[in-house]
Amino acid sequence: MPIYEYYCAACDRSFEVIQKVSDPPQADCEFCGAPVKKQLTAAAFHLKGGGWYKDGYASVRSGNGDGGKSGASDTKSSPGKESGASKAAPAPASSNSSSG
């Protein structure tokens, strides 16, 4: 739902109202009851329900229950096991042979 900002000249206050697009505009000040004027501001809205992310990005879910926030379990290898990336590559056989 959009958030609209209104200004009251009588009490010199601005306030926000969460309204449906189809709702009529706010007529009176919430503080003093005087007529208000709708302000032209940057668009603001609330995302409600599942599937919406506050920051616009979904977190990667993992099986460890931390919601993908900790990458430690993905980068560390298990004790006693060597990772393929950490093994030294075998030295290639030289093409120069000592026997002739």
C-alpha atoms as a PDB file:
ATOM      1  CA  MET A   1       0.000   0.000   0.000  1.00  0.00           C
ATOM      2  CA  PRO A   2       1.311   3.468  -0.812  1.00  0.00           C
ATOM      3  CA  ILE A   3       2.395   5.925   1.850  1.00  0.00           C
ATOM      4  CA  TYR A   4       1.194   9.487   1.296  1.00  0.00           C
ATOM      5  CA  GLU A   5       2.615  12.553   3.005  1.00  0.00           C
ATOM      6  CA  TYR A   6       0.400  15.461   4.032  1.00  0.00           C
ATOM      7  CA  TYR A   7       1.244  18.956   5.305  1.00  0.00           C
ATOM      8  CA  CYS A   8      -0.813  21.076   7.701  1.00  0.00           C
ATOM      9  CA  ALA A   9      -0.165  24.814   7.407  1.00  0.00           C
ATOM     10  CA  ALA A  10      -2.080  25.549  10.637  1.00  0.00           C
ATOM     11  CA  CYS A  11       0.218  23.575  12.939  1.00  0.00           C
ATOM     12  CA  ASP A  12       3.211  23.400  10.515  1.00  0.00           C
ATOM     13  CA  ARG A  13       3.446  19.601  10.681  1.00  0.00           C
ATOM     14  CA  SER A  14       3.965  16.917   8.070  1.00  0.00           C
ATOM     15  CA  PHE A  15       2.679  13.383   8.552  1.00  0.00           C
ATOM     16  CA  GLU A  16       2.397  10.167   6.588  1.00  0.00           C
ATOM     17  CA  VAL A  17      -0.710   8.087   5.999  1.00  0.00           C
ATOM     18  CA  ILE A  18      -0.783   4.530   4.637  1.00  0.00           C
ATOM     19  CA  GLN A  19      -3.743   4.348   2.249  1.00  0.00           C
ATOM     20  CA  LYS A  20      -5.012   2.267  -0.619  1.00  0.00           C
ATOM     21  CA  VAL A  21      -4.804   3.918  -4.008  1.00  0.00           C
ATOM     22  CA  SER A  22      -8.603   3.811  -4.164  1.00  0.00           C
ATOM     23  CA  ASP A  23      -9.055   5.538  -0.752  1.00  0.00           C
ATOM     24  CA  PRO A  24     -10.025   9.222  -0.755  1.00  0.00           C
ATOM     25  CA  PRO A  25      -7.224  11.628   0.260  1.00  0.00           C
ATOM     26  CA  GLN A  26      -6.839  12.709   3.879  1.00  0.00           C
ATOM     27  CA  ALA A  27      -8.871  15.881   4.471  1.00  0.00           C
ATOM     28  CA  ASP A  28      -7.990  16.918   8.043  1.00  0.00           C
ATOM     29  CA  CYS A  29      -4.831  17.113  10.118  1.00  0.00           C
ATOM     30  CA  GLU A  30      -4.327  14.226  12.559  1.00  0.00           C
ATOM     31  CA  PHE A  31      -3.053  16.680  15.199  1.00  0.00           C
ATOM     32  CA  CYS A  32      -5.190  19.817  15.005  1.00  0.00           C
ATOM     33  CA  GLY A  33      -8.055  18.968  12.619  1.00  0.00           C
ATOM     34  CA  ALA A  34      -7.281  21.758  10.124  1.00  0.00           C
ATOM     35  CA  PRO A  35      -7.367  21.082   6.366  1.00  0.00           C
ATOM     36  CA  VAL A  36      -4.223  19.471   4.939  1.00  0.00           C
ATOM     37  CA  LYS A  37      -2.517  19.463   1.580  1.00  0.00           C
ATOM     38  CA  LYS A  38      -1.094  16.334  -0.068  1.00  0.00           C
ATOM     39  CA  GLN A  39       2.644  16.632  -0.687  1.00  0.00           C
ATOM     40  CA  LEU A  40       4.484  15.492  -3.800  1.00  0.00           C
ATOM     41  CA  THR A  41       7.171  13.111  -2.528  1.00  0.00           C
ATOM     42  CA  ALA A  42       9.173  10.141  -3.732  1.00  0.00           C
ATOM     43  CA  ALA A  43       7.153   6.979  -4.060  1.00  0.00           C
ATOM     44  CA  ALA A  44       7.117   4.838  -0.934  1.00  0.00           C
ATOM     45  CA  PHE A  45       5.267   1.602  -0.310  1.00  0.00           C
ATOM     46  CA  HIS A  46       5.197  -1.474   1.916  1.00  0.00           C
ATOM     47  CA  LEU A  47       5.778  -4.957   0.521  1.00  0.00           C
ATOM     48  CA  LYS A  48       3.456  -7.370   2.286  1.00  0.00           C
ATOM     49  CA  GLY A  49       3.227 -11.153   2.207  1.00  0.00           C
ATOM     50  CA  GLY A  50       5.602 -13.976   1.451  1.00  0.00           C
ATOM     51  CA  GLY A  51       7.945 -13.784  -1.497  1.00  0.00           C
ATOM     52  CA  TRP A  52       8.842 -10.129  -0.983  1.00  0.00           C
ATOM     53  CA  TYR A  53      12.254  -9.213   0.315  1.00  0.00           C
ATOM     54  CA  LYS A  54      12.857  -5.985   2.189  1.00  0.00           C
ATOM     55  CA  ASP A  55      16.231  -5.320   0.567  1.00  0.00           C
ATOM     56  CA  GLY A  56      15.301  -6.723  -2.843  1.00  0.00           C
ATOM     57  CA  TYR A  57      17.560  -9.758  -2.616  1.00  0.00           C
ATOM     58  CA  ALA A  58      16.746 -13.313  -1.624  1.00  0.00           C
ATOM     59  CA  SER A  59      19.156 -15.055   0.701  1.00  0.00           C
ATOM     60  CA  VAL A  60      20.545 -18.382  -0.418  1.00  0.00           C
ATOM     61  CA  ARG A  61      19.101 -21.089   1.734  1.00  0.00           C
ATOM     62  CA  SER A  62      21.365 -23.814   3.033  1.00  0.00           C
ATOM     63  CA  GLY A  63      20.779 -26.911   5.101  1.00  0.00           C
ATOM     64  CA  ASN A  64      22.497 -25.544   8.211  1.00  0.00           C
ATOM     65  CA  GLY A  65      19.519 -23.370   9.242  1.00  0.00           C
ATOM     66  CA  ASP A  66      21.265 -20.007   9.105  1.00  0.00           C
ATOM     67  CA  GLY A  67      19.442 -18.840   5.986  1.00  0.00           C
ATOM     68  CA  GLY A  68      22.608 -18.782   3.915  1.00  0.00           C
ATOM     69  CA  LYS A  69      24.180 -15.963   5.924  1.00  0.00           C
ATOM     70  CA  SER A  70      27.224 -17.955   6.986  1.00  0.00           C
ATOM     71  CA  GLY A  71      29.507 -19.178   4.248  1.00  0.00           C
ATOM     72  CA  ALA A  72      31.863 -20.905   6.703  1.00  0.00           C
ATOM     73  CA  SER A  73      30.392 -24.377   6.198  1.00  0.00           C
ATOM     74  CA  ASP A  74      30.742 -24.058   2.421  1.00  0.00           C
ATOM     75  CA  THR A  75      34.399 -23.022   2.359  1.00  0.00           C
ATOM     76  CA  LYS A  76      35.931 -25.190   5.070  1.00  0.00           C
ATOM     77  CA  SER A  77      36.698 -28.837   4.446  1.00  0.00           C
ATOM     78  CA  SER A  78      35.899 -31.612   6.876  1.00  0.00           C
ATOM     79  CA  PRO A  79      38.612 -32.681   9.328  1.00  0.00           C
ATOM     80  CA  GLY A  80      40.673 -35.577   7.948  1.00  0.00           C
ATOM     81  CA  LYS A  81      39.633 -34.923   4.349  1.00  0.00           C
ATOM     82  CA  GLU A  82      41.590 -32.877   1.887  1.00  0.00           C
ATOM     83  CA  SER A  83      39.912 -30.613  -0.579  1.00  0.00           C
ATOM     84  CA  GLY A  84      40.768 -31.093  -4.256  1.00  0.00           C
ATOM     85  CA  ALA A  85      41.757 -27.431  -4.561  1.00  0.00           C
ATOM     86  CA  SER A  86      44.228 -27.612  -1.675  1.00  0.00           C
ATOM     87  CA  LYS A  87      46.192 -30.608  -3.035  1.00  0.00           C
ATOM     88  CA  ALA A  88      49.399 -29.803  -4.839  1.00  0.00           C
ATOM     89  CA  ALA A  89      49.337 -30.789  -8.493  1.00  0.00           C
ATOM     90  CA  PRO A  90      51.775 -33.586  -9.397  1.00  0.00           C
ATOM     91  CA  ALA A  91      54.878 -32.377 -11.190  1.00  0.00           C
ATOM     92  CA  PRO A  92      54.751 -33.082 -14.909  1.00  0.00           C
ATOM     93  CA  ALA A  93      57.226 -35.628 -16.236  1.00  0.00           C
ATOM     94  CA  SER A  94      60.158 -33.962 -17.880  1.00  0.00           C
ATOM     95  CA  SER A  95      60.718 -34.570 -21.569  1.00  0.00           C
ATOM     96  CA  ASN A  96      64.492 -34.620 -21.079  1.00  0.00           C
ATOM     97  CA  SER A  97      65.548 -38.072 -20.070  1.00  0.00           C
ATOM     98  CA  SER A  98      68.952 -38.743 -18.531  1.00  0.00           C
ATOM     99  CA  SER A  99      69.274 -42.038 -20.326  1.00  0.00           C
ATOM    100  CA  GLY A 100      70.106 -41.597 -23.855  1.00  0.00           C
END
